[in-house]
Structures are given as structure tokens and as C-alpha cells.
Amino acid sequence: MKLTLYTDYSLRVLIYLATFNEGKLSNIKDIADSYKISKNHLMKVTYELGKMGYIETIRGRNGGIRLAKSMDEINIGQLVRKTEENIHLVECFDAKNNNCVITPACGLKKILAEALHAYMSVLDKYTLEDLVKDPFQLRMLFQTGEGE
């Protein structure tokens, strides 16, 4: 299973903000520069993260963004569910658009559903706090760009 760039960037934004968890404001340009990714992509991601309540946006000259919740309140499984448009591993997972003729007799759907459930169960065990065990090292990597 491959996560969308939207989910990937959402996780990256939260990781970045979590490294400055003292409430320091960050901005989209700094995040984009740190990861070497598109500022335009991050604008949509941060807007949606704000609507979902994960980040707080402060407008104005001295504005910026920061986490709106503590790191231990941000569950990775929940975030993935909210940021993925769909988690249809195969066509038959989507009842509206399923045209597979073997669906009634195929055992694959049940096996893949079990696998997806296991995948999401693992993500549900972790929070943003688990992803940011060493904020100092992450900040250093953001500054040097040597994390790749």
C-alpha cells in the first residue's frame, strides 16, 4: 500500500512542527525548504490540517503555524484515515465503482481487508510523539538538508 503525497506531506508537516513543540511558530516556506518540496502543495496540506484541528494558523505579519494539539494526542492511524481519499486496495473495496465480475466468489477481498485492518491497527498504536523521539537531531537535519 502506498500513501498519497497528501498524507505523506501531512505527516511531514506535523513532524516538522513537533520538533519545535515549544509553541514556536513556523511557516510554510521554511517547511517546504527543509524538505525540498513544493510550497504550493504544503499550502493546501496546512489549510486542511488546520480545518481538521491538527494545527493552528496565526495570521498577520508575525503569524505562522504550530501544532494545535499535543504530540501524544495526534494518532497516526486517525490522521491517515482522514488524509487518504480512499483506502481501496482493489476495485471491489469500492461498492459504488466495483465492476469486477468475480467479486461474489473471490476470496481476495477478505484477505486484503484483513491485511488493511492489520496495517491500520499498527498505525493506530502510534502518535506523533513516537515519530519525534529526537527533535534535536531532526532540527539539525532540517537545517542541513542531509536527511536524504
Foldseek 3Di string as FASTA:
>chain_A
DDADVLLVLLLQVQLLQLLVQVPDFDALVLSCLLQVHDSVSVVVSVVVCVVVQQKDWDDDDRTHIHGRDHQQVAQQLVSSVVRGPDDDPDQVVDVVRRPDPCVVPDPVVVVVVVVVVVVSVVSRVDTSCVVPVDSVVVVVCSVVVPPD
